PDB file of N, CA and C in Angstrom:
ATOM      1  N   UNK A   1     200.306  77.560 146.004  1.00  0.00           N
ATOM      2  CA  UNK A   1     200.156  75.843 145.381  1.00  0.00           C
ATOM      3  C   UNK A   1     201.200  75.111 145.867  1.00  0.00           C
ATOM      4  N   UNK A   2     201.031  73.962 145.503  1.00  0.00           N
ATOM      5  CA  UNK A   2     202.067  73.100 146.416  1.00  0.00           C
ATOM      6  C   UNK A   2     201.507  71.555 145.400  1.00  0.00           C
ATOM      7  N   UNK A   3     202.103  71.270 145.696  1.00  0.00           N
ATOM      8  CA  UNK A   3     202.046  69.479 145.298  1.00  0.00           C
ATOM      9  C   UNK A   3     200.514  68.889 145.735  1.00  0.00           C
ATOM     10  N   UNK A   4     199.945  68.323 144.666  1.00  0.00           N
ATOM     11  CA  UNK A   4     198.800  67.499 145.631  1.00  0.00           C
ATOM     12  C   UNK A   4     199.011  65.994 144.779  1.00  0.00           C
ATOM     13  N   UNK A   5     198.397  65.334 145.943  1.00  0.00           N
ATOM     14  CA  UNK A   5     198.418  63.738 145.464  1.00  0.00           C
ATOM     15  C   UNK A   5     197.062  63.354 145.431  1.00  0.00           C
ATOM     16  N   UNK A   6     196.793  62.396 144.437  1.00  0.00           N
ATOM     17  CA  UNK A   6     195.360  61.943 144.811  1.00  0.00           C
ATOM     18  C   UNK A   6     195.677  60.302 144.575  1.00  0.00           C
ATOM     19  N   UNK A   7     195.129  59.432 145.511  1.00  0.00           N
ATOM     20  CA  UNK A   7     195.222  58.288 145.628  1.00  0.00           C
ATOM     21  C   UNK A   7     193.783  57.372 145.585  1.00  0.00           C
ATOM     22  N   UNK A   8     194.174  56.218 145.211  1.00  0.00           N
ATOM     23  CA  UNK A   8     193.097  55.236 145.038  1.00  0.00           C
ATOM     24  C   UNK A   8     192.729  54.623 146.418  1.00  0.00           C
ATOM     25  N   UNK A   9     191.716  54.854 147.050  1.00  0.00           N
ATOM     26  CA  UNK A   9     191.517  54.134 148.356  1.00  0.00           C
ATOM     27  C   UNK A   9     190.863  52.662 148.139  1.00  0.00           C
ATOM     28  N   UNK A  10     189.736  52.473 147.255  1.00  0.00           N
ATOM     29  CA  UNK A  10     188.729  51.166 147.108  1.00  0.00           C
ATOM     30  C   UNK A  10     188.252  51.472 146.364  1.00  0.00           C
ATOM     31  N   UNK A  11     187.664  50.818 145.815  1.00  0.00           N
ATOM     32  CA  UNK A  11     186.409  51.080 144.730  1.00  0.00           C
ATOM     33  C   UNK A  11     186.368  52.098 143.844  1.00  0.00           C
ATOM     34  N   UNK A  12     185.703  52.998 143.897  1.00  0.00           N
ATOM     35  CA  UNK A  12     185.897  54.346 143.349  1.00  0.00           C
ATOM     36  C   UNK A  12     186.220  55.343 144.118  1.00  0.00           C
ATOM     37  N   UNK A  13     186.695  55.084 145.488  1.00  0.00           N
ATOM     38  CA  UNK A  13     186.840  56.162 146.535  1.00  0.00           C
ATOM     39  C   UNK A  13     188.180  56.525 146.609  1.00  0.00           C
ATOM     40  N   UNK A  14     188.596  57.903 146.444  1.00  0.00           N
ATOM     41  CA  UNK A  14     189.635  58.459 146.184  1.00  0.00           C
ATOM     42  C   UNK A  14     190.172  59.697 147.354  1.00  0.00           C
ATOM     43  N   UNK A  15     191.095  59.670 148.010  1.00  0.00           N
ATOM     44  CA  UNK A  15     191.858  60.663 148.696  1.00  0.00           C
ATOM     45  C   UNK A  15     192.850  61.307 148.311  1.00  0.00           C
ATOM     46  N   UNK A  16     192.522  62.802 148.247  1.00  0.00           N
ATOM     47  CA  UNK A  16     193.484  63.666 147.828  1.00  0.00           C
ATOM     48  C   UNK A  16     193.991  64.528 148.827  1.00  0.00           C
ATOM     49  N   UNK A  17     195.522  64.999 149.057  1.00  0.00           N
ATOM     50  CA  UNK A  17     196.290  65.124 150.054  1.00  0.00           C
ATOM     51  C   UNK A  17     197.156  66.463 149.208  1.00  0.00           C
ATOM     52  N   UNK A  18     196.841  67.378 149.887  1.00  0.00           N
ATOM     53  CA  UNK A  18     197.683  68.945 149.086  1.00  0.00           C
ATOM     54  C   UNK A  18     198.878  69.447 150.065  1.00  0.00           C
ATOM     55  N   UNK A  19     199.007  70.620 150.216  1.00  0.00           N
ATOM     56  CA  UNK A  19     200.367  71.268 150.859  1.00  0.00           C
ATOM     57  C   UNK A  19     199.869  71.044 152.472  1.00  0.00           C
ATOM     58  N   UNK A  20     198.585  71.229 152.672  1.00  0.00           N
ATOM     59  CA  UNK A  20     198.294  71.755 153.940  1.00  0.00           C
ATOM     60  C   UNK A  20     198.108  70.242 155.008  1.00  0.00           C
ATOM     61  N   UNK A  21     198.259  69.051 154.093  1.00  0.00           N
ATOM     62  CA  UNK A  21     197.869  67.832 154.821  1.00  0.00           C
ATOM     63  C   UNK A  21     196.956  67.159 154.858  1.00  0.00           C
ATOM     64  N   UNK A  22     195.679  68.201 154.608  1.00  0.00           N
ATOM     65  CA  UNK A  22     194.191  67.688 155.076  1.00  0.00           C
ATOM     66  C   UNK A  22     193.895  66.574 153.807  1.00  0.00           C
ATOM     67  N   UNK A  23     192.679  65.662 154.141  1.00  0.00           N
ATOM     68  CA  UNK A  23     192.357  64.914 153.126  1.00  0.00           C
ATOM     69  C   UNK A  23     191.181  65.420 152.638  1.00  0.00           C
ATOM     70  N   UNK A  24     190.960  65.428 151.430  1.00  0.00           N
ATOM     71  CA  UNK A  24     189.739  65.789 150.540  1.00  0.00           C
ATOM     72  C   UNK A  24     189.678  64.297 149.749  1.00  0.00           C
ATOM     73  N   UNK A  25     188.086  63.826 150.530  1.00  0.00           N
ATOM     74  CA  UNK A  25     187.614  62.495 150.104  1.00  0.00           C
ATOM     75  C   UNK A  25     186.563  62.795 148.761  1.00  0.00           C
ATOM     76  N   UNK A  26     186.573  62.005 147.906  1.00  0.00           N
ATOM     77  CA  UNK A  26     185.819  61.960 147.063  1.00  0.00           C
ATOM     78  C   UNK A  26     185.122  60.262 146.547  1.00  0.00           C
ATOM     79  N   UNK A  27     184.396  59.996 146.478  1.00  0.00           N
ATOM     80  CA  UNK A  27     183.872  59.129 146.110  1.00  0.00           C
ATOM     81  C   UNK A  27     182.774  58.791 144.623  1.00  0.00           C
ATOM     82  N   UNK A  28     182.629  57.907 144.129  1.00  0.00           N
ATOM     83  CA  UNK A  28     181.341  57.748 142.778  1.00  0.00           C
ATOM     84  C   UNK A  28     180.199  57.517 143.545  1.00  0.00           C
ATOM     85  N   UNK A  29     179.092  57.862 142.785  1.00  0.00           N
ATOM     86  CA  UNK A  29     177.516  57.330 143.256  1.00  0.00           C
ATOM     87  C   UNK A  29     177.586  55.614 143.121  1.00  0.00           C
ATOM     88  N   UNK A  30     176.534  55.299 143.626  1.00  0.00           N
ATOM     89  CA  UNK A  30     176.432  53.774 143.734  1.00  0.00           C
ATOM     90  C   UNK A  30     176.335  53.245 142.424  1.00  0.00           C
ATOM     91  N   UNK A  31     175.227  54.231 141.559  1.00  0.00           N
ATOM     92  CA  UNK A  31     174.929  53.886 140.196  1.00  0.00           C
ATOM     93  C   UNK A  31     175.963  53.270 139.424  1.00  0.00           C
ATOM     94  N   UNK A  32     177.151  54.265 139.573  1.00  0.00           N
ATOM     95  CA  UNK A  32     178.555  53.485 138.446  1.00  0.00           C
ATOM     96  C   UNK A  32     179.886  52.842 139.246  1.00  0.00           C
ATOM     97  N   UNK A  33     179.483  52.554 140.641  1.00  0.00           N
ATOM     98  CA  UNK A  33     180.582  51.258 141.098  1.00  0.00           C
ATOM     99  C   UNK A  33     180.950  51.985 142.328  1.00  0.00           C
ATOM    100  N   UNK A  34     180.213  53.041 142.946  1.00  0.00           N
ATOM    101  CA  UNK A  34     181.106  53.765 143.995  1.00  0.00           C
ATOM    102  C   UNK A  34     180.083  53.421 145.400  1.00  0.00           C
ATOM    103  N   UNK A  35     180.482  53.747 146.465  1.00  0.00           N
ATOM    104  CA  UNK A  35     179.667  53.258 147.239  1.00  0.00           C
ATOM    105  C   UNK A  35     179.275  54.743 147.975  1.00  0.00           C
ATOM    106  N   UNK A  36     178.932  55.616 147.353  1.00  0.00           N
ATOM    107  CA  UNK A  36     178.284  57.140 147.663  1.00  0.00           C
ATOM    108  C   UNK A  36     178.663  57.430 149.071  1.00  0.00           C
ATOM    109  N   UNK A  37     179.944  57.510 149.541  1.00  0.00           N
ATOM    110  CA  UNK A  37     180.452  57.706 150.688  1.00  0.00           C
ATOM    111  C   UNK A  37     180.798  59.092 150.997  1.00  0.00           C
ATOM    112  N   UNK A  38     180.738  60.079 150.286  1.00  0.00           N
ATOM    113  CA  UNK A  38     181.268  61.038 150.155  1.00  0.00           C
ATOM    114  C   UNK A  38     181.326  61.612 148.505  1.00  0.00           C
ATOM    115  N   UNK A  39     181.570  63.074 149.128  1.00  0.00           N
ATOM    116  CA  UNK A  39     181.414  64.102 147.631  1.00  0.00           C
ATOM    117  C   UNK A  39     181.768  63.663 146.591  1.00  0.00           C
ATOM    118  N   UNK A  40     181.219  63.996 145.339  1.00  0.00           N
ATOM    119  CA  UNK A  40     181.827  63.491 143.999  1.00  0.00           C
ATOM    120  C   UNK A  40     182.830  64.613 143.310  1.00  0.00           C
ATOM    121  N   UNK A  41     183.970  64.318 142.819  1.00  0.00           N
ATOM    122  CA  UNK A  41     185.213  65.280 142.674  1.00  0.00           C
ATOM    123  C   UNK A  41     184.154  66.391 142.061  1.00  0.00           C
ATOM    124  N   UNK A  42     183.461  66.287 140.965  1.00  0.00           N
ATOM    125  CA  UNK A  42     182.845  67.411 140.336  1.00  0.00           C
ATOM    126  C   UNK A  42     182.274  68.644 141.942  1.00  0.00           C
ATOM    127  N   UNK A  43     181.643  67.697 142.725  1.00  0.00           N
ATOM    128  CA  UNK A  43     181.032  68.793 144.043  1.00  0.00           C
ATOM    129  C   UNK A  43     182.230  69.189 144.622  1.00  0.00           C
ATOM    130  N   UNK A  44     183.406  68.551 144.936  1.00  0.00           N
ATOM    131  CA  UNK A  44     184.729  69.267 145.459  1.00  0.00           C
ATOM    132  C   UNK A  44     185.100  70.349 144.837  1.00  0.00           C
ATOM    133  N   UNK A  45     185.366  70.351 143.612  1.00  0.00           N
ATOM    134  CA  UNK A  45     185.944  71.465 142.399  1.00  0.00           C
ATOM    135  C   UNK A  45     185.005  72.576 142.271  1.00  0.00           C
ATOM    136  N   UNK A  46     183.707  72.279 142.775  1.00  0.00           N
ATOM    137  CA  UNK A  46     182.675  73.438 142.752  1.00  0.00           C
ATOM    138  C   UNK A  46     182.705  74.192 143.691  1.00  0.00           C
ATOM    139  N   UNK A  47     182.792  73.635 145.256  1.00  0.00           N
ATOM    140  CA  UNK A  47     182.937  74.050 146.600  1.00  0.00           C
ATOM    141  C   UNK A  47     184.363  74.803 146.331  1.00  0.00           C
ATOM    142  N   UNK A  48     185.582  73.998 146.215  1.00  0.00           N
ATOM    143  CA  UNK A  48     186.734  75.059 145.937  1.00  0.00           C
ATOM    144  C   UNK A  48     186.443  76.350 145.239  1.00  0.00           C
ATOM    145  N   UNK A  49     185.855  75.994 143.986  1.00  0.00           N
ATOM    146  CA  UNK A  49     185.934  77.340 143.134  1.00  0.00           C
ATOM    147  C   UNK A  49     185.030  78.384 144.178  1.00  0.00           C
ATOM    148  N   UNK A  50     183.825  78.169 145.037  1.00  0.00           N
ATOM    149  CA  UNK A  50     182.889  79.110 145.895  1.00  0.00           C
ATOM    150  C   UNK A  50     183.866  79.564 146.957  1.00  0.00           C
ATOM    151  N   UNK A  51     184.687  78.456 147.401  1.00  0.00           N
ATOM    152  CA  UNK A  51     185.411  78.746 148.373  1.00  0.00           C
ATOM    153  C   UNK A  51     186.357  79.727 148.125  1.00  0.00           C
ATOM    154  N   UNK A  52     186.936  79.636 147.065  1.00  0.00           N
ATOM    155  CA  UNK A  52     188.095  80.743 146.262  1.00  0.00           C
ATOM    156  C   UNK A  52     187.528  81.970 146.457  1.00  0.00           C
ATOM    157  N   UNK A  53     186.331  82.174 145.490  1.00  0.00           N
ATOM    158  CA  UNK A  53     185.595  83.444 145.400  1.00  0.00           C
ATOM    159  C   UNK A  53     185.306  84.144 146.305  1.00  0.00           C
ATOM    160  N   UNK A  54     184.767  83.166 147.505  1.00  0.00           N
ATOM    161  CA  UNK A  54     184.304  83.851 148.485  1.00  0.00           C
ATOM    162  C   UNK A  54     185.469  84.232 149.385  1.00  0.00           C
ATOM    163  N   UNK A  55     186.408  83.805 149.697  1.00  0.00           N
ATOM    164  CA  UNK A  55     187.805  84.285 150.530  1.00  0.00           C
ATOM    165  C   UNK A  55     188.504  85.738 149.777  1.00  0.00           C
ATOM    166  N   UNK A  56     188.382  85.682 148.593  1.00  0.00           N
ATOM    167  CA  UNK A  56     188.877  86.636 147.898  1.00  0.00           C
ATOM    168  C   UNK A  56     187.775  88.212 147.997  1.00  0.00           C
ATOM    169  N   UNK A  57     186.468  87.465 147.784  1.00  0.00           N
ATOM    170  CA  UNK A  57     185.811  89.051 148.035  1.00  0.00           C
ATOM    171  C   UNK A  57     185.862  89.178 149.522  1.00  0.00           C
ATOM    172  N   UNK A  58     185.723  88.290 150.300  1.00  0.00           N
ATOM    173  CA  UNK A  58     185.787  88.499 151.914  1.00  0.00           C
ATOM    174  C   UNK A  58     187.098  89.688 152.702  1.00  0.00           C
ATOM    175  N   UNK A  59     188.420  89.146 151.222  1.00  0.00           N
ATOM    176  CA  UNK A  59     189.802  89.871 151.860  1.00  0.00           C
ATOM    177  C   UNK A  59     189.205  91.461 151.519  1.00  0.00           C
ATOM    178  N   UNK A  60     188.838  91.257 150.242  1.00  0.00           N
ATOM    179  CA  UNK A  60     188.659  92.832 149.545  1.00  0.00           C
ATOM    180  C   UNK A  60     187.701  93.503 150.398  1.00  0.00           C
ATOM    181  N   UNK A  61     186.871  92.863 150.808  1.00  0.00           N
ATOM    182  CA  UNK A  61     185.496  93.858 151.620  1.00  0.00           C
ATOM    183  C   UNK A  61     186.602  94.492 153.110  1.00  0.00           C
ATOM    184  N   UNK A  62     187.055  93.552 153.495  1.00  0.00           N
ATOM    185  CA  UNK A  62     187.735  93.911 154.961  1.00  0.00           C
ATOM    186  C   UNK A  62     188.467  94.858 154.754  1.00  0.00           C
ATOM    187  N   UNK A  63     189.643  94.802 153.721  1.00  0.00           N
ATOM    188  CA  UNK A  63     190.444  95.752 153.181  1.00  0.00           C
ATOM    189  C   UNK A  63     189.820  97.294 153.084  1.00  0.00           C
ATOM    190  N   UNK A  64     188.652  97.225 152.653  1.00  0.00           N
ATOM    191  CA  UNK A  64     187.563  98.320 152.765  1.00  0.00           C
ATOM    192  C   UNK A  64     186.787  98.714 154.008  1.00  0.00           C
ATOM    193  N   UNK A  65     187.272  98.216 154.986  1.00  0.00           N
ATOM    194  CA  UNK A  65     186.664  98.338 156.335  1.00  0.00           C
ATOM    195  C   UNK A  65     185.313  98.058 156.362  1.00  0.00           C
ATOM    196  N   UNK A  66     185.114  97.197 155.555  1.00  0.00           N
ATOM    197  CA  UNK A  66     183.653  96.639 155.375  1.00  0.00           C
ATOM    198  C   UNK A  66     183.286  95.297 155.749  1.00  0.00           C
ATOM    199  N   UNK A  67     182.766  94.782 156.971  1.00  0.00           N
ATOM    200  CA  UNK A  67     182.342  93.233 157.448  1.00  0.00           C
ATOM    201  C   UNK A  67     180.970  93.093 156.962  1.00  0.00           C
ATOM    202  N   UNK A  68     181.036  92.130 155.819  1.00  0.00           N
ATOM    203  CA  UNK A  68     179.847  91.632 155.520  1.00  0.00           C
ATOM    204  C   UNK A  68     178.917  90.581 156.385  1.00  0.00           C
ATOM    205  N   UNK A  69     177.836  90.749 156.447  1.00  0.00           N
ATOM    206  CA  UNK A  69     176.875  90.068 157.045  1.00  0.00           C
ATOM    207  C   UNK A  69     176.531  88.843 156.774  1.00  0.00           C
ATOM    208  N   UNK A  70     176.679  88.382 155.365  1.00  0.00           N
ATOM    209  CA  UNK A  70     176.709  87.144 154.891  1.00  0.00           C
ATOM    210  C   UNK A  70     177.030  87.178 153.445  1.00  0.00           C
ATOM    211  N   UNK A  71     177.291  86.057 152.806  1.00  0.00           N
ATOM    212  CA  UNK A  71     177.558  85.987 151.636  1.00  0.00           C
ATOM    213  C   UNK A  71     177.296  84.769 151.005  1.00  0.00           C
TER     214      UNK A  71
END
């Protein structure tokens, strides 16, 4: 884990940057003042949870010499 910074870009659009240096863009829907230009923060959070869980499962399966065909 490292430091994560989230900055307001414009309107309701935010850009997050973590230790990896990659940008994570987030925006609100047009119904609440956003431009609907990218994923909502809750979507990003749920995708992160799914990604972390999936990476853990794949890592465990590979240690057991099992290569999953899908997840």
